[in-house]
């Protein structure tokens, strides 16, 4: 299944292509957006909300550099949309017993609204720093960043309602924003949002706290009850830079695409670690005993406190320190060279030694002596012993400098990548490109067990049928959607339509 945010960005790209420059836009000015808002359906909250969602889609798809005027337009859309959104959310939470299709429609409306607002405010924040109007936007940077963190966190919260953990990209986004506002010294500046005082640090902490409660296993009403309790708690624990071993109970690693974890006796330290004291909040949750005639919320709060005390969800990406040299082929040309030979020593020129730092079920971390200028998304193949021709394929997700070393974090795409040959179906031979090599990624854990294919961008066409040869087996397959691009190559899903022995095919 495709990550929800990826699906959203593809939808926005499609909308961008459909907008014609000469049509004009209802978001050119305050006057035009107010006129557009008055034209929304007035007799149905759902219809009005859907119209507003479509408006936010178009607003984002225009991809216009942020200005003070455009900021005001976005605030008009936000002000008109929030009351509608709250009523849609109320319907969604109240009507969980309703038939499934209605529940799904309300969930999607809510999730798309939060996600589109997050995209809009993150885009606005980028232009606070790099846009042509950054000087006029700077005075509003705290309000913009606070909203970006809040709506990104709400989009993640809505993933929990669907019993899915937020994607790693969602955690990376909020970690990156928080590092930015912390660096520039306004993480704790107060902002009034939805009639409440808040700050960037508080909105960030709300997302982190909810992630510690194992919300994937909770009912919709329970997720919202816990989230609202956190929002109403005045002394919410906020991230701190310096470790106090006698006080801090949890930590967040801002260089890792996941949430907080409980501190054990090791007390890890590092420039990207932030520390939290959850003891007062946990004690508060335990003290919320239910009234005699209550429906058991006190039990929920005590359960939540116990989960947070134990560290929340067990970390699916727990890291094991593993030091030693591995051989790495970086970039598709070197990867294809490494995969082709049963004797890896013969293509050692395509590889370089990297020092392994740690490993998890989903990736590896490396420590390099110098900055190699590795872009995010660069593909690498890793082997402990190339002569055995056993490789893993990974994608670089983050890099940062630490104590004179370049730390590299990678996500595993396949434990058993295979170099294969692909060609267009014989029926389409007149328009076929010459056969070429691709990399088959069987049962990629990062894509929920679905096999993927890496092929050149020039050979990709959605829905095209192709032949894939793996040894003496010939597969007929259909190309699915693109998951991501890697420097001229695309990773796509595939449907296998049939298979046969090469001898029988001949």
Protein backbone atom coordinates (compact mmCIF):
# COMPACT_ATOMS: atom_id res chain seq x y z
CA UNK A 1 0.00 0.00 0.00
CA UNK A 2 1.34 3.41 -0.92
CA UNK A 3 2.17 5.79 2.01
CA UNK A 4 -0.63 8.29 2.48
CA UNK A 5 1.53 11.41 2.11
CA UNK A 6 3.04 10.07 -1.13
CA UNK A 7 -0.48 9.60 -2.46
CA UNK A 8 -1.33 13.17 -1.47
CA UNK A 9 1.71 14.68 -3.23
CA UNK A 10 0.92 12.72 -6.41
CA UNK A 11 -2.63 14.06 -6.26
CA UNK A 12 -1.32 17.63 -5.95
CA UNK A 13 1.05 17.14 -8.88
CA UNK A 14 -1.82 15.92 -11.04
CA UNK A 15 -3.90 18.93 -10.07
CA UNK A 16 -1.04 21.28 -10.92
CA UNK A 17 -0.93 19.96 -14.46
CA UNK A 18 -4.64 20.53 -14.87
CA UNK A 19 -4.64 24.17 -13.85
CA UNK A 20 -4.32 26.52 -16.80
CA UNK A 21 -2.49 29.76 -16.31
CA UNK A 22 -5.16 31.87 -17.99
CA UNK A 23 -7.97 30.67 -15.73
CA UNK A 24 -7.03 32.96 -12.86
CA UNK A 25 -7.23 31.88 -9.26
CA UNK A 26 -9.65 32.54 -6.40
CA UNK A 27 -6.57 32.75 -4.16
CA UNK A 28 -4.94 35.77 -5.78
CA UNK A 29 -6.09 38.15 -3.05
CA UNK A 30 -8.06 38.46 0.18
CA UNK A 31 -10.99 39.86 -1.77
CA UNK A 32 -11.10 36.98 -4.26
CA UNK A 33 -10.76 34.25 -1.62
CA UNK A 34 -13.55 35.75 0.48
CA UNK A 35 -15.75 35.82 -2.61
CA UNK A 36 -14.88 32.18 -3.28
CA UNK A 37 -15.64 31.16 0.31
CA UNK A 38 -19.10 32.74 0.06
CA UNK A 39 -19.84 30.51 -2.94
CA UNK A 40 -19.38 27.26 -0.97
CA UNK A 41 -22.49 25.08 -0.35
CA UNK A 42 -24.41 26.36 2.65
CA UNK A 43 -26.86 23.53 3.27
CA UNK A 44 -24.41 20.68 3.98
CA UNK A 45 -21.33 20.65 6.19
CA UNK A 46 -19.94 17.71 4.23
CA UNK A 47 -20.38 19.40 0.84
CA UNK A 48 -18.92 22.67 2.12
CA UNK A 49 -16.00 20.83 3.68
CA UNK A 50 -15.35 18.91 0.46
CA UNK A 51 -15.37 22.16 -1.54
CA UNK A 52 -12.86 23.64 0.91
CA UNK A 53 -10.63 20.57 0.61
CA UNK A 54 -10.66 20.96 -3.18
CA UNK A 55 -9.78 24.63 -2.69
CA UNK A 56 -6.81 23.73 -0.49
CA UNK A 57 -5.69 21.20 -3.10
CA UNK A 58 -5.68 23.92 -5.72
CA UNK A 59 -4.02 26.45 -3.40
CA UNK A 60 -1.12 24.02 -2.81
CA UNK A 61 -0.94 22.90 -6.43
CA UNK A 62 -0.44 26.47 -7.64
CA UNK A 63 2.99 26.27 -5.97
CA UNK A 64 3.35 30.06 -5.88
CA UNK A 65 6.15 31.63 -3.81
CA UNK A 66 4.82 32.74 -0.43
CA UNK A 67 4.10 36.41 0.21
CA UNK A 68 2.40 38.31 3.01
CA UNK A 69 -0.76 38.47 0.87
CA UNK A 70 -0.70 34.75 0.21
CA UNK A 71 -0.18 34.12 3.92
CA UNK A 72 -3.37 36.08 4.63
CA UNK A 73 -5.23 34.04 2.00
CA UNK A 74 -4.13 30.81 3.67
CA UNK A 75 -5.26 32.11 7.06
CA UNK A 76 -8.68 32.90 5.55
CA UNK A 77 -8.91 29.31 4.26
CA UNK A 78 -7.83 27.98 7.65
CA UNK A 79 -10.32 30.15 9.55
CA UNK A 80 -13.18 29.06 7.31
CA UNK A 81 -12.14 25.41 7.32
CA UNK A 82 -11.50 24.71 11.00
CA UNK A 83 -15.14 25.03 12.20
CA UNK A 84 -16.23 22.73 9.36
CA UNK A 85 -13.42 20.31 10.13
CA UNK A 86 -14.34 20.13 13.81
CA UNK A 87 -17.93 19.26 12.92
CA UNK A 88 -16.79 16.58 10.43
CA UNK A 89 -14.45 15.14 13.08
CA UNK A 90 -17.28 15.14 15.62
CA UNK A 91 -19.45 13.18 13.17
CA UNK A 92 -16.62 10.76 12.49
CA UNK A 93 -15.92 10.08 16.18
CA UNK A 94 -19.61 9.88 17.13
CA UNK A 95 -20.68 7.64 14.26
CA UNK A 96 -18.12 4.85 14.50
CA UNK A 97 -20.99 2.36 14.58
CA UNK A 98 -22.32 3.66 11.25
CA UNK A 99 -21.88 1.69 8.06
CA UNK A 100 -18.31 1.34 6.88
CA UNK A 101 -18.41 3.47 3.72
CA UNK A 102 -19.67 6.57 5.57
CA UNK A 103 -16.98 6.13 8.20
CA UNK A 104 -14.27 5.84 5.55
CA UNK A 105 -15.52 8.95 3.74
CA UNK A 106 -15.44 11.02 6.93
CA UNK A 107 -11.97 9.72 7.82
CA UNK A 108 -10.61 10.60 4.39
CA UNK A 109 -12.17 14.08 4.44
CA UNK A 110 -10.57 14.75 7.82
CA UNK A 111 -7.18 13.29 6.95
CA UNK A 112 -6.95 15.15 3.62
CA UNK A 113 -7.85 18.44 5.31
CA UNK A 114 -5.13 18.10 7.98
CA UNK A 115 -2.60 16.90 5.40
CA UNK A 116 -3.30 19.75 2.97
CA UNK A 117 -2.99 22.32 5.75
CA UNK A 118 0.30 20.73 6.78
CA UNK A 119 1.62 20.91 3.21
CA UNK A 120 0.52 24.55 2.91
CA UNK A 121 2.14 25.69 6.15
CA UNK A 122 5.34 23.71 5.60
CA UNK A 123 5.61 25.37 2.17
CA UNK A 124 5.03 28.76 3.81
CA UNK A 125 7.75 28.04 6.39
CA UNK A 126 10.27 27.17 3.67
CA UNK A 127 9.67 30.58 2.09
CA UNK A 128 10.20 32.29 5.44
CA UNK A 129 13.84 31.29 5.01
CA UNK A 130 14.43 31.04 1.27
CA UNK A 131 11.61 32.79 -0.56
CA UNK A 132 11.75 36.15 -2.33
CA UNK A 133 9.46 37.64 0.35
CA UNK A 134 11.29 36.14 3.34
CA UNK A 135 11.88 39.51 4.98
CA UNK A 136 8.18 40.38 5.14
CA UNK A 137 7.34 36.84 6.34
CA UNK A 138 9.99 36.68 9.08
CA UNK A 139 7.84 38.45 11.74
CA UNK A 140 5.26 35.64 11.35
CA UNK A 141 7.71 32.75 11.48
CA UNK A 142 6.60 31.52 14.93
CA UNK A 143 2.92 31.42 13.94
CA UNK A 144 3.78 29.70 10.65
CA UNK A 145 6.06 27.07 12.20
CA UNK A 146 3.59 26.34 15.01
CA UNK A 147 0.85 25.68 12.49
CA UNK A 148 3.14 23.54 10.34
CA UNK A 149 3.94 21.34 13.35
CA UNK A 150 0.34 21.20 14.53
CA UNK A 151 -1.20 20.15 11.23
CA UNK A 152 1.60 17.71 10.42
CA UNK A 153 0.98 16.15 13.84
CA UNK A 154 -2.78 15.96 13.24
CA UNK A 155 -2.24 14.25 9.89
CA UNK A 156 -0.10 11.67 11.73
CA UNK A 157 -2.81 11.28 14.37
CA UNK A 158 -5.34 10.48 11.68
CA UNK A 159 -3.12 7.63 10.45
CA UNK A 160 -3.53 6.02 13.87
CA UNK A 161 -7.31 6.04 13.34
CA UNK A 162 -6.73 3.72 10.40
CA UNK A 163 -4.55 1.45 12.59
CA UNK A 164 -1.43 2.48 10.70
CA UNK A 165 1.79 3.97 12.01
CA UNK A 166 2.80 7.27 10.38
CA UNK A 167 5.39 6.95 7.64
CA UNK A 168 9.04 7.60 8.41
CA UNK A 169 8.79 10.71 6.23
CA UNK A 170 6.18 12.15 8.62
CA UNK A 171 8.51 11.78 11.61
CA UNK A 172 11.39 13.18 9.57
CA UNK A 173 9.29 16.24 8.66
CA UNK A 174 8.40 17.20 12.23
CA UNK A 175 11.91 16.46 13.52
CA UNK A 176 13.34 18.71 10.83
CA UNK A 177 10.93 21.57 11.61
CA UNK A 178 11.61 21.27 15.32
CA UNK A 179 15.38 21.35 14.80
CA UNK A 180 14.94 24.49 12.71
CA UNK A 181 12.85 26.41 15.25
CA UNK A 182 15.04 25.24 18.12
CA UNK A 183 18.17 26.38 16.25
CA UNK A 184 16.69 29.83 15.65
CA UNK A 185 15.53 30.23 19.22
CA UNK A 186 11.75 30.46 18.94
CA UNK A 187 10.68 26.92 19.84
CA UNK A 188 9.10 28.11 23.10
CA UNK A 189 7.62 31.43 21.91
CA UNK A 190 3.93 31.59 22.75
CA UNK A 191 1.26 31.61 20.03
CA UNK A 192 -2.53 31.73 20.30
CA UNK A 193 -4.03 28.96 18.18
CA UNK A 194 -7.65 27.81 18.39
CA UNK A 195 -8.16 30.03 21.45
CA UNK A 196 -5.33 28.25 23.31
CA UNK A 197 -1.78 29.30 24.13
CA UNK A 198 0.72 27.00 22.52
CA UNK A 199 4.20 26.97 20.97
CA UNK A 200 6.28 25.02 18.49
CA UNK A 201 7.75 22.93 21.30
CA UNK A 202 4.31 22.16 22.71
CA UNK A 203 2.82 21.13 19.35
CA UNK A 204 5.85 18.94 18.69
CA UNK A 205 5.54 17.37 22.14
CA UNK A 206 1.81 16.63 21.60
CA UNK A 207 2.70 14.48 18.59
CA UNK A 208 5.53 12.76 20.48
CA UNK A 209 3.32 12.06 23.54
CA UNK A 210 0.56 10.51 21.45
CA UNK A 211 3.07 8.28 19.67
CA UNK A 212 4.06 6.83 23.07
CA UNK A 213 0.53 5.62 23.87
CA UNK A 214 0.37 2.77 21.32
CA UNK A 215 -2.54 4.47 19.50
CA UNK A 216 -2.57 1.86 16.72
CA UNK A 217 -4.28 -0.52 19.15
CA UNK A 218 -6.85 2.04 20.37
CA UNK A 219 -10.38 2.80 19.25
CA UNK A 220 -11.13 6.12 17.60
CA UNK A 221 -12.85 7.53 20.70
CA UNK A 222 -9.91 6.48 22.86
CA UNK A 223 -7.33 8.14 20.58
CA UNK A 224 -9.27 11.39 20.61
CA UNK A 225 -9.87 11.26 24.38
CA UNK A 226 -6.15 10.85 25.09
CA UNK A 227 -5.15 13.50 22.53
CA UNK A 228 -7.58 16.02 24.01
CA UNK A 229 -6.38 15.27 27.53
CA UNK A 230 -2.80 16.01 26.44
CA UNK A 231 -3.93 19.24 24.77
CA UNK A 232 -5.65 20.40 27.96
CA UNK A 233 -2.70 19.48 30.24
CA UNK A 234 -0.99 22.81 31.04
CA UNK A 235 2.48 21.51 31.94
CA UNK A 236 3.07 19.17 29.02
CA UNK A 237 6.66 17.82 29.07
CA UNK A 238 8.78 19.66 26.51
CA UNK A 239 12.07 18.49 24.93
CA UNK A 240 15.24 19.52 26.74
CA UNK A 241 18.80 19.70 25.43
CA UNK A 242 20.75 18.51 28.48
CA UNK A 243 20.31 15.12 30.10
CA UNK A 244 19.43 14.95 33.79
CA UNK A 245 19.86 11.28 34.68
CA UNK A 246 17.91 11.68 37.92
CA UNK A 247 14.89 13.30 36.26
CA UNK A 248 14.52 12.46 32.57
CA UNK A 249 12.56 9.33 31.70
CA UNK A 250 12.36 9.39 27.88
CA UNK A 251 14.30 10.69 24.88
CA UNK A 252 13.83 11.51 21.20
CA UNK A 253 16.52 10.98 18.58
CA UNK A 254 16.02 13.76 16.03
CA UNK A 255 18.26 11.96 13.53
CA UNK A 256 15.99 8.89 13.43
CA UNK A 257 12.63 8.74 11.67
CA UNK A 258 10.59 7.55 14.65
CA UNK A 259 9.17 8.75 17.96
CA UNK A 260 10.34 8.82 21.57
CA UNK A 261 11.66 5.90 23.61
CA UNK A 262 12.12 5.14 27.31
CA UNK A 263 15.55 5.71 28.82
CA UNK A 264 17.20 2.68 30.34
CA UNK A 265 20.36 2.45 32.41
CA UNK A 266 22.60 3.34 29.46
CA UNK A 267 21.44 7.00 29.19
CA UNK A 268 22.52 7.66 25.59
CA UNK A 269 23.85 11.10 24.69
CA UNK A 270 24.34 12.95 21.43
CA UNK A 271 23.77 16.26 19.67
CA UNK A 272 20.48 15.09 18.15
CA UNK A 273 19.01 13.61 21.35
CA UNK A 274 16.39 15.54 23.30
CA UNK A 275 15.17 14.50 26.74
CA UNK A 276 11.76 14.43 28.43
CA UNK A 277 10.55 14.13 32.00
CA UNK A 278 7.20 12.33 31.79
CA UNK A 279 6.82 11.56 35.51
CA UNK A 280 4.33 14.40 36.30
CA UNK A 281 2.16 13.56 33.27
CA UNK A 282 2.17 9.83 34.05
CA UNK A 283 1.26 10.52 37.69
CA UNK A 284 -1.57 12.79 36.49
CA UNK A 285 -2.95 10.05 34.21
CA UNK A 286 -2.86 7.51 37.04
CA UNK A 287 -4.70 9.91 39.34
CA UNK A 288 -7.66 10.26 36.95
CA UNK A 289 -9.86 7.66 38.64
CA UNK A 290 -13.29 7.18 37.06
CA UNK A 291 -16.40 8.46 38.76
CA UNK A 292 -18.75 5.78 40.17
CA UNK A 293 -21.07 5.98 37.13
CA UNK A 294 -18.38 6.67 34.52
CA UNK A 295 -17.84 4.44 31.51
CA UNK A 296 -14.29 3.49 32.36
CA UNK A 297 -12.16 6.36 31.03
CA UNK A 298 -10.05 6.17 34.18
CA UNK A 299 -9.08 2.67 33.13
CA UNK A 300 -8.02 4.04 29.75
CA UNK A 301 -5.92 6.74 31.37
CA UNK A 302 -4.18 4.26 33.68
CA UNK A 303 -3.52 1.97 30.70
CA UNK A 304 -2.06 4.90 28.82
CA UNK A 305 0.16 5.82 31.77
CA UNK A 306 1.47 2.26 31.98
CA UNK A 307 2.23 2.21 28.24
CA UNK A 308 4.11 5.49 28.41
CA UNK A 309 5.99 4.37 31.50
CA UNK A 310 7.19 1.24 29.69
CA UNK A 311 8.21 3.25 26.64
CA UNK A 312 5.05 3.09 24.54
CA UNK A 313 5.15 0.93 21.45
CA UNK A 314 8.04 -1.47 21.26
CA UNK A 315 10.44 0.12 18.81
CA UNK A 316 10.20 -1.80 15.57
CA UNK A 317 13.49 -0.20 14.55
CA UNK A 318 15.51 -0.98 17.67
CA UNK A 319 19.16 -0.52 16.80
CA UNK A 320 21.90 -2.98 17.56
CA UNK A 321 25.45 -1.61 17.57
CA UNK A 322 27.45 -3.52 14.97
CA UNK A 323 30.88 -2.25 14.15
CA UNK A 324 32.94 -3.54 11.25
CA UNK A 325 33.74 -3.04 7.60
CA UNK A 326 31.26 -3.83 4.85
CA UNK A 327 31.56 -3.42 1.08
CA UNK A 328 29.26 -0.90 -0.57
CA UNK A 329 28.37 -0.36 -4.22
CA UNK A 330 26.93 3.17 -4.48
CA UNK A 331 24.68 4.24 -7.35
CA UNK A 332 22.91 2.07 -9.90
CA UNK A 333 25.84 1.62 -12.29
CA UNK A 334 28.02 0.17 -9.53
CA UNK A 335 25.10 -1.83 -8.09
CA UNK A 336 24.45 -3.53 -11.43
CA UNK A 337 28.15 -4.31 -11.74
CA UNK A 338 28.22 -5.80 -8.25
CA UNK A 339 25.12 -7.94 -8.81
CA UNK A 340 26.21 -9.40 -12.15
CA UNK A 341 29.17 -11.51 -11.11
CA UNK A 342 29.13 -14.65 -8.98
CA UNK A 343 32.63 -13.67 -7.96
CA UNK A 344 32.34 -10.29 -6.31
CA UNK A 345 36.10 -9.93 -6.06
CA UNK A 346 36.29 -9.42 -9.84
CA UNK A 347 34.22 -6.23 -9.61
CA UNK A 348 35.82 -4.88 -6.44
CA UNK A 349 36.53 -1.64 -8.33
CA UNK A 350 32.76 -0.92 -8.15
CA UNK A 351 32.81 -1.07 -4.35
CA UNK A 352 34.22 0.88 -1.44
CA UNK A 353 34.62 -0.03 2.24
CA UNK A 354 32.24 1.62 4.71
CA UNK A 355 32.22 1.31 8.48
CA UNK A 356 28.96 -0.07 9.85
CA UNK A 357 27.74 1.74 12.97
CA UNK A 358 24.44 0.08 13.83
CA UNK A 359 21.65 -1.99 12.32
CA UNK A 360 17.90 -2.37 12.81
CA UNK A 361 15.23 -4.53 11.27
CA UNK A 362 14.64 -1.79 8.70
CA UNK A 363 18.04 -0.38 7.87
CA UNK A 364 21.68 0.29 8.67
CA UNK A 365 23.73 3.19 9.96
CA UNK A 366 27.24 4.01 8.75
CA UNK A 367 30.05 6.27 9.89
CA UNK A 368 32.26 7.70 7.14
CA UNK A 369 35.49 9.69 7.61
CA UNK A 370 34.58 12.41 5.13
CA UNK A 371 31.59 13.97 3.42
CA UNK A 372 31.03 12.08 0.18
CA UNK A 373 28.16 14.33 -0.90
CA UNK A 374 25.66 11.48 -0.76
CA UNK A 375 22.18 12.66 -1.75
CA UNK A 376 19.07 11.44 0.03
CA UNK A 377 17.55 8.64 -2.02
CA UNK A 378 20.90 7.35 -3.34
CA UNK A 379 20.75 3.56 -3.66
CA UNK A 380 23.51 1.38 -2.24
CA UNK A 381 24.15 -2.36 -2.24
CA UNK A 382 25.85 -3.76 0.86
CA UNK A 383 27.69 -7.03 1.40
CA UNK A 384 29.89 -8.38 4.20
CA UNK A 385 31.67 -10.66 1.73
CA UNK A 386 31.30 -9.85 -1.99
CA UNK A 387 32.84 -13.18 -2.99
CA UNK A 388 29.67 -14.86 -1.66
CA UNK A 389 27.54 -12.61 -3.92
CA UNK A 390 25.03 -11.93 -1.13
CA UNK A 391 23.76 -8.35 -1.18
CA UNK A 392 21.19 -6.09 0.46
CA UNK A 393 19.77 -3.03 -1.26
CA UNK A 394 19.23 0.13 0.76
CA UNK A 395 18.35 3.78 0.19
CA UNK A 396 20.04 6.68 1.97
CA UNK A 397 17.47 8.58 4.06
CA UNK A 398 19.58 11.02 6.08
CA UNK A 399 23.11 12.25 6.63
CA UNK A 400 24.63 14.56 9.23
CA UNK A 401 28.01 15.59 10.57
CA UNK A 402 28.94 14.46 14.06
CA UNK A 403 32.33 14.86 15.72
CA UNK A 404 34.17 15.07 12.40
CA UNK A 405 32.41 12.04 10.92
CA UNK A 406 29.57 11.80 8.41
CA UNK A 407 26.76 9.68 9.83
CA UNK A 408 24.58 8.00 7.21
CA UNK A 409 21.18 6.42 7.83
CA UNK A 410 19.71 4.00 5.30
CA UNK A 411 16.43 2.14 4.83
CA UNK A 412 16.51 -1.46 3.64
CA UNK A 413 14.50 -2.02 0.46
CA UNK A 414 15.38 -5.67 -0.10
CA UNK A 415 17.51 -8.37 1.49
CA UNK A 416 17.82 -10.29 -1.79
CA UNK A 417 18.03 -7.92 -4.79
CA UNK A 418 18.43 -9.61 -8.17
CA UNK A 419 19.76 -8.22 -11.43
CA UNK A 420 17.27 -9.17 -14.15
CA UNK A 421 16.58 -8.41 -17.79
CA UNK A 422 13.36 -6.71 -18.83
CA UNK A 423 11.77 -6.16 -22.22
CA UNK A 424 8.43 -5.04 -23.59
CA UNK A 425 5.79 -7.68 -24.40
CA UNK A 426 6.24 -9.11 -27.95
CA UNK A 427 2.82 -7.75 -28.97
CA UNK A 428 4.16 -4.23 -28.49
CA UNK A 429 7.48 -4.90 -30.21
CA UNK A 430 7.02 -2.16 -32.80
CA UNK A 431 7.16 0.45 -30.04
CA UNK A 432 9.49 -1.46 -27.77
CA UNK A 433 12.72 -0.19 -26.35
CA UNK A 434 15.73 -2.48 -26.41
CA UNK A 435 15.91 -4.99 -23.54
CA UNK A 436 17.66 -3.55 -20.52
CA UNK A 437 18.69 -4.52 -17.04
CA UNK A 438 16.66 -3.84 -13.92
CA UNK A 439 16.80 -4.89 -10.27
CA UNK A 440 14.06 -7.09 -8.85
CA UNK A 441 13.35 -6.50 -5.13
CA UNK A 442 11.48 -9.56 -3.86
CA UNK A 443 9.16 -9.11 -0.89
CA UNK A 444 10.33 -5.64 0.12
CA UNK A 445 9.55 -5.21 3.82
CA UNK A 446 9.38 -1.43 3.42
CA UNK A 447 6.39 -1.86 1.10
CA UNK A 448 4.40 -4.25 3.35
CA UNK A 449 5.66 -7.40 1.70
CA UNK A 450 5.03 -6.33 -1.91
CA UNK A 451 7.74 -7.07 -4.47
CA UNK A 452 9.11 -4.04 -6.32
CA UNK A 453 11.13 -3.43 -9.45
CA UNK A 454 13.86 -0.85 -10.05
CA UNK A 455 14.08 0.21 -13.67
CA UNK A 456 15.29 3.24 -15.65
CA UNK A 457 12.85 6.13 -15.75
CA UNK A 458 13.04 5.99 -19.56
CA UNK A 459 11.53 2.49 -19.58
CA UNK A 460 8.64 3.18 -17.23
CA UNK A 461 5.04 3.58 -18.31
CA UNK A 462 2.20 3.04 -15.86
CA UNK A 463 0.25 -0.10 -16.68
CA UNK A 464 2.73 -1.31 -19.32
CA UNK A 465 3.19 -5.06 -19.64
CA UNK A 466 6.76 -6.30 -19.65
CA UNK A 467 8.73 -9.53 -19.68
CA UNK A 468 11.18 -10.14 -16.83
CA UNK A 469 13.81 -12.85 -17.05
CA UNK A 470 15.30 -14.22 -13.84
CA UNK A 471 17.59 -17.14 -14.68
CA UNK A 472 15.56 -19.73 -16.54
CA UNK A 473 12.22 -18.28 -15.42
CA UNK A 474 10.33 -15.78 -17.60
CA UNK A 475 7.72 -13.62 -15.85
CA UNK A 476 5.01 -11.60 -17.54
CA UNK A 477 4.16 -8.60 -15.39
CA UNK A 478 2.35 -5.27 -15.35
CA UNK A 479 4.03 -2.12 -14.02
CA UNK A 480 2.20 -0.39 -11.20
CA UNK A 481 2.64 2.99 -9.54
CA UNK A 482 5.94 4.67 -8.76
CA UNK A 483 6.92 4.59 -5.09
CA UNK A 484 9.91 6.88 -5.43
CA UNK A 485 12.62 8.03 -7.84
CA UNK A 486 16.35 7.42 -7.43
CA UNK A 487 18.60 9.49 -9.70
CA UNK A 488 17.05 8.49 -13.02
CA UNK A 489 15.66 5.19 -11.76
CA UNK A 490 12.20 4.48 -10.37
CA UNK A 491 11.02 1.92 -7.84
CA UNK A 492 7.61 0.63 -8.88
CA UNK A 493 5.10 -1.96 -7.74
CA UNK A 494 4.41 -4.87 -10.07
CA UNK A 495 1.64 -7.37 -10.73
CA UNK A 496 2.83 -10.79 -11.90
CA UNK A 497 0.50 -12.00 -14.64
CA UNK A 498 2.19 -15.32 -15.39
CA UNK A 499 5.45 -17.31 -15.44
CA UNK A 500 7.02 -20.06 -17.51
CA UNK A 501 10.31 -21.80 -18.09
CA UNK A 502 12.51 -20.18 -20.73
CA UNK A 503 12.82 -23.50 -22.59
CA UNK A 504 9.04 -23.85 -22.73
CA UNK A 505 8.67 -20.26 -23.86
CA UNK A 506 11.06 -20.84 -26.72
